[in-house]
C-alpha atoms as a PDB file:
ATOM      1  CA  MET A   1     121.075 119.966  84.389  1.00  0.00           C
ATOM      2  CA  SER A   2     119.602 117.571  87.000  1.00  0.00           C
ATOM      3  CA  ASP A   3     117.357 114.650  86.205  1.00  0.00           C
ATOM      4  CA  PRO A   4     113.810 115.387  87.582  1.00  0.00           C
ATOM      5  CA  ILE A   5     113.179 111.665  88.258  1.00  0.00           C
ATOM      6  CA  LEU A   6     116.346 111.092  90.115  1.00  0.00           C
ATOM      7  CA  SER A   7     115.719 114.357  92.083  1.00  0.00           C
ATOM      8  CA  ALA A   8     112.292 112.911  93.155  1.00  0.00           C
ATOM      9  CA  LEU A   9     114.072 109.988  94.843  1.00  0.00           C
ATOM     10  CA  GLU A  10     115.173 110.496  98.512  1.00  0.00           C
ATOM     11  CA  ARG A  11     117.386 107.983 100.137  1.00  0.00           C
ATOM     12  CA  ARG A  12     116.953 107.445 103.893  1.00  0.00           C
ATOM     13  CA  GLY A  13     118.812 105.496 106.528  1.00  0.00           C
ATOM     14  CA  GLY A  14     122.405 104.985 107.476  1.00  0.00           C
ATOM     15  CA  PRO A  15     124.682 102.546 105.829  1.00  0.00           C
ATOM     16  CA  VAL A  16     123.609  98.831 105.811  1.00  0.00           C
ATOM     17  CA  VAL A  17     126.486  96.750 107.359  1.00  0.00           C
ATOM     18  CA  ARG A  18     126.471  93.099 107.102  1.00  0.00           C
ATOM     19  CA  GLN A  19     129.403  90.719 108.186  1.00  0.00           C
ATOM     20  CA  GLY A  20     131.427  93.960 108.876  1.00  0.00           C
ATOM     21  CA  ALA A  21     131.106  95.314 105.360  1.00  0.00           C
ATOM     22  CA  VAL A  22     129.009  98.238 104.230  1.00  0.00           C
ATOM     23  CA  GLN A  23     126.539  97.095 101.590  1.00  0.00           C
ATOM     24  CA  PRO A  24     125.267  98.985  98.461  1.00  0.00           C
ATOM     25  CA  ILE A  25     121.735  99.113  99.942  1.00  0.00           C
ATOM     26  CA  THR A  26     119.569 101.992 101.013  1.00  0.00           C
ATOM     27  CA  PRO A  27     117.056 101.017 103.856  1.00  0.00           C
ATOM     28  CA  VAL A  28     114.360 103.196 102.563  1.00  0.00           C
ATOM     29  CA  VAL A  29     113.887 105.027  99.278  1.00  0.00           C
ATOM     30  CA  ILE A  30     111.027 107.653  99.015  1.00  0.00           C
ATOM     31  CA  ALA A  31     109.773 108.154  95.637  1.00  0.00           C
ATOM     32  CA  GLY A  32     108.142 111.538  94.674  1.00  0.00           C
ATOM     33  CA  GLN A  33     107.195 112.171  98.395  1.00  0.00           C
ATOM     34  CA  ARG A  34     104.341 109.528  97.841  1.00  0.00           C
ATOM     35  CA  LEU A  35     105.758 106.052  98.199  1.00  0.00           C
ATOM     36  CA  ALA A  36     108.246 104.442 100.481  1.00  0.00           C
ATOM     37  CA  PHE A  37     110.186 101.424  99.308  1.00  0.00           C
ATOM     38  CA  VAL A  38     111.782  99.513 102.149  1.00  0.00           C
ATOM     39  CA  SER A  39     114.680  97.299 101.413  1.00  0.00           C
ATOM     40  CA  GLY A  40     114.590  93.596 102.448  1.00  0.00           C
ATOM     41  CA  GLN A  41     114.683  93.196 106.259  1.00  0.00           C
ATOM     42  CA  VAL A  42     115.966  90.411 108.196  1.00  0.00           C
ATOM     43  CA  PRO A  43     115.428  89.561 111.847  1.00  0.00           C
ATOM     44  CA  MET A  44     118.976  90.095 113.105  1.00  0.00           C
ATOM     45  CA  ARG A  45     120.084  91.856 116.322  1.00  0.00           C
ATOM     46  CA  ASN A  46     123.778  92.129 117.274  1.00  0.00           C
ATOM     47  CA  GLY A  47     124.747  89.612 114.608  1.00  0.00           C
ATOM     48  CA  GLN A  48     122.244  86.881 115.795  1.00  0.00           C
ATOM     49  CA  PRO A  49     118.683  85.980 114.723  1.00  0.00           C
ATOM     50  CA  ALA A  50     116.223  88.003 116.845  1.00  0.00           C
ATOM     51  CA  ALA A  51     114.187  85.030 117.755  1.00  0.00           C
ATOM     52  CA  PRO A  52     114.491  81.180 117.407  1.00  0.00           C
ATOM     53  CA  ASP A  53     111.139  80.541 115.786  1.00  0.00           C
ATOM     54  CA  ILE A  54     109.357  81.859 112.610  1.00  0.00           C
ATOM     55  CA  ALA A  55     106.615  83.689 114.592  1.00  0.00           C
ATOM     56  CA  GLY A  56     109.275  85.722 116.645  1.00  0.00           C
ATOM     57  CA  GLN A  57     111.350  86.435 113.463  1.00  0.00           C
ATOM     58  CA  THR A  58     108.168  87.540 111.659  1.00  0.00           C
ATOM     59  CA  HIS A  59     107.289  89.928 114.436  1.00  0.00           C
ATOM     60  CA  ALA A  60     110.815  91.235 114.629  1.00  0.00           C
ATOM     61  CA  VAL A  61     111.053  91.898 110.817  1.00  0.00           C
ATOM     62  CA  ILE A  62     107.612  93.643 110.922  1.00  0.00           C
ATOM     63  CA  ASP A  63     108.844  95.726 113.808  1.00  0.00           C
ATOM     64  CA  GLN A  64     111.774  96.845 111.763  1.00  0.00           C
ATOM     65  CA  ILE A  65     109.709  97.730 108.714  1.00  0.00           C
ATOM     66  CA  GLU A  66     107.150  99.567 110.943  1.00  0.00           C
ATOM     67  CA  SER A  67     110.073 101.600 112.512  1.00  0.00           C
ATOM     68  CA  LEU A  68     111.426 102.416 109.061  1.00  0.00           C
ATOM     69  CA  LEU A  69     108.089 103.477 107.727  1.00  0.00           C
ATOM     70  CA  GLN A  70     107.160 105.660 110.774  1.00  0.00           C
ATOM     71  CA  ALA A  71     110.546 107.620 110.248  1.00  0.00           C
ATOM     72  CA  ALA A  72     109.441 107.992 106.614  1.00  0.00           C
ATOM     73  CA  GLY A  73     106.093 109.445 107.604  1.00  0.00           C
ATOM     74  CA  SER A  74     104.061 106.262 106.995  1.00  0.00           C
ATOM     75  CA  GLY A  75     103.055 103.174 108.856  1.00  0.00           C
ATOM     76  CA  LEU A  76     101.886  99.523 108.678  1.00  0.00           C
ATOM     77  CA  ASP A  77      98.310 100.726 107.869  1.00  0.00           C
ATOM     78  CA  ARG A  78      99.625 102.259 104.611  1.00  0.00           C
ATOM     79  CA  VAL A  79     101.517  99.326 103.293  1.00  0.00           C
ATOM     80  CA  ALA A  80     100.378  98.397  99.626  1.00  0.00           C
ATOM     81  CA  LYS A  81     102.697  95.447  99.000  1.00  0.00           C
ATOM     82  CA  ILE A  82     104.857  93.008 100.995  1.00  0.00           C
ATOM     83  CA  THR A  83     107.325  90.588  99.444  1.00  0.00           C
ATOM     84  CA  VAL A  84     108.365  87.624 101.756  1.00  0.00           C
ATOM     85  CA  TRP A  85     111.008  85.142 101.460  1.00  0.00           C
ATOM     86  CA  LEU A  86     110.794  82.006 103.654  1.00  0.00           C
ATOM     87  CA  VAL A  87     113.588  79.519 103.965  1.00  0.00           C
ATOM     88  CA  ASP A  88     111.283  76.501 104.823  1.00  0.00           C
ATOM     89  CA  ALA A  89     107.755  76.016 103.468  1.00  0.00           C
ATOM     90  CA  ASN A  90     106.867  74.189 106.596  1.00  0.00           C
ATOM     91  CA  ASP A  91     107.080  77.602 108.474  1.00  0.00           C
ATOM     92  CA  TYR A  92     104.271  79.010 106.309  1.00  0.00           C
ATOM     93  CA  PRO A  93     101.435  78.380 108.679  1.00  0.00           C
ATOM     94  CA  ALA A  94     103.088  79.884 111.754  1.00  0.00           C
ATOM     95  CA  PHE A  95     104.492  82.748 109.521  1.00  0.00           C
ATOM     96  CA  ASN A  96     100.932  83.439 108.165  1.00  0.00           C
ATOM     97  CA  ALA A  97      99.371  83.490 111.702  1.00  0.00           C
ATOM     98  CA  ALA A  98     101.985  86.029 112.894  1.00  0.00           C
ATOM     99  CA  TYR A  99     101.599  88.103 109.920  1.00  0.00           C
ATOM    100  CA  ALA A 100      97.862  88.147 110.362  1.00  0.00           C
ATOM    101  CA  GLU A 101      98.274  89.467 113.940  1.00  0.00           C
ATOM    102  CA  ARG A 102     100.013  92.505 112.580  1.00  0.00           C
ATOM    103  CA  PHE A 103      98.046  93.206 109.478  1.00  0.00           C
ATOM    104  CA  GLY A 104      94.638  92.363 110.642  1.00  0.00           C
ATOM    105  CA  SER A 105      91.519  92.522 108.384  1.00  0.00           C
ATOM    106  CA  HIS A 106      92.981  94.721 105.758  1.00  0.00           C
ATOM    107  CA  PRO A 107      96.253  93.145 104.749  1.00  0.00           C
ATOM    108  CA  PRO A 108      98.354  94.555 101.877  1.00  0.00           C
ATOM    109  CA  ALA A 109      99.008  92.557  98.581  1.00  0.00           C
ATOM    110  CA  ARG A 110     101.631  89.922  99.289  1.00  0.00           C
ATOM    111  CA  SER A 111     103.980  87.673  97.468  1.00  0.00           C
ATOM    112  CA  THR A 112     105.521  84.754  99.353  1.00  0.00           C
ATOM    113  CA  VAL A 113     108.491  82.909  98.002  1.00  0.00           C
ATOM    114  CA  ILE A 114     110.522  79.884  99.330  1.00  0.00           C
ATOM    115  CA  SER A 115     114.284  80.684  99.042  1.00  0.00           C
ATOM    116  CA  GLY A 116     117.674  80.387 100.598  1.00  0.00           C
ATOM    117  CA  LEU A 117     118.775  83.603 102.450  1.00  0.00           C
ATOM    118  CA  LEU A 118     122.162  85.162 103.011  1.00  0.00           C
ATOM    119  CA  ALA A 119     121.618  85.640 106.666  1.00  0.00           C
ATOM    120  CA  PRO A 120     121.006  82.724 109.085  1.00  0.00           C
ATOM    121  CA  VAL A 121     117.321  83.404 109.614  1.00  0.00           C
ATOM    122  CA  LYS A 122     114.072  82.036 108.453  1.00  0.00           C
ATOM    123  CA  ILE A 123     112.488  85.079 106.731  1.00  0.00           C
ATOM    124  CA  GLU A 124     113.156  88.200 104.872  1.00  0.00           C
ATOM    125  CA  MET A 125     110.551  90.878 104.102  1.00  0.00           C
ATOM    126  CA  GLU A 126     110.321  94.117 102.036  1.00  0.00           C
ATOM    127  CA  ALA A 127     107.583  96.524 101.739  1.00  0.00           C
ATOM    128  CA  ILE A 128     106.094  99.339  99.570  1.00  0.00           C
ATOM    129  CA  ALA A 129     103.891 101.935 101.570  1.00  0.00           C
ATOM    130  CA  VAL A 130     101.967 105.093 100.601  1.00  0.00           C
ATOM    131  CA  ILE A 131     103.271 108.242 102.704  1.00  0.00           C
END
């Protein structure tokens, strides 16, 4: 007998590989064909930070989230909640300005935390969106 709750979860995206090892992470999980949960995204390209500064890294991460959401049938305009991890509190003003450029006058709910990250970047973001 299958579990109806588990059958309502759809995992999308290829394997997540970090430092040459496949990680136990799913890029996007669709719940009940209504919500998309995007795993934490970091601004890495070809093993290197996508940009040297927080504004560039913020845009790179939002681009990744947008791409994953579009593949799931959603978009940035349907994001309900974002969680952000910044490495340096001094980056907050520049991060916030870049973030505002992308989410405009109707931003989603957001939590921002200062924390160390595993990747050599300044930011990590995850999102929850309506499909």
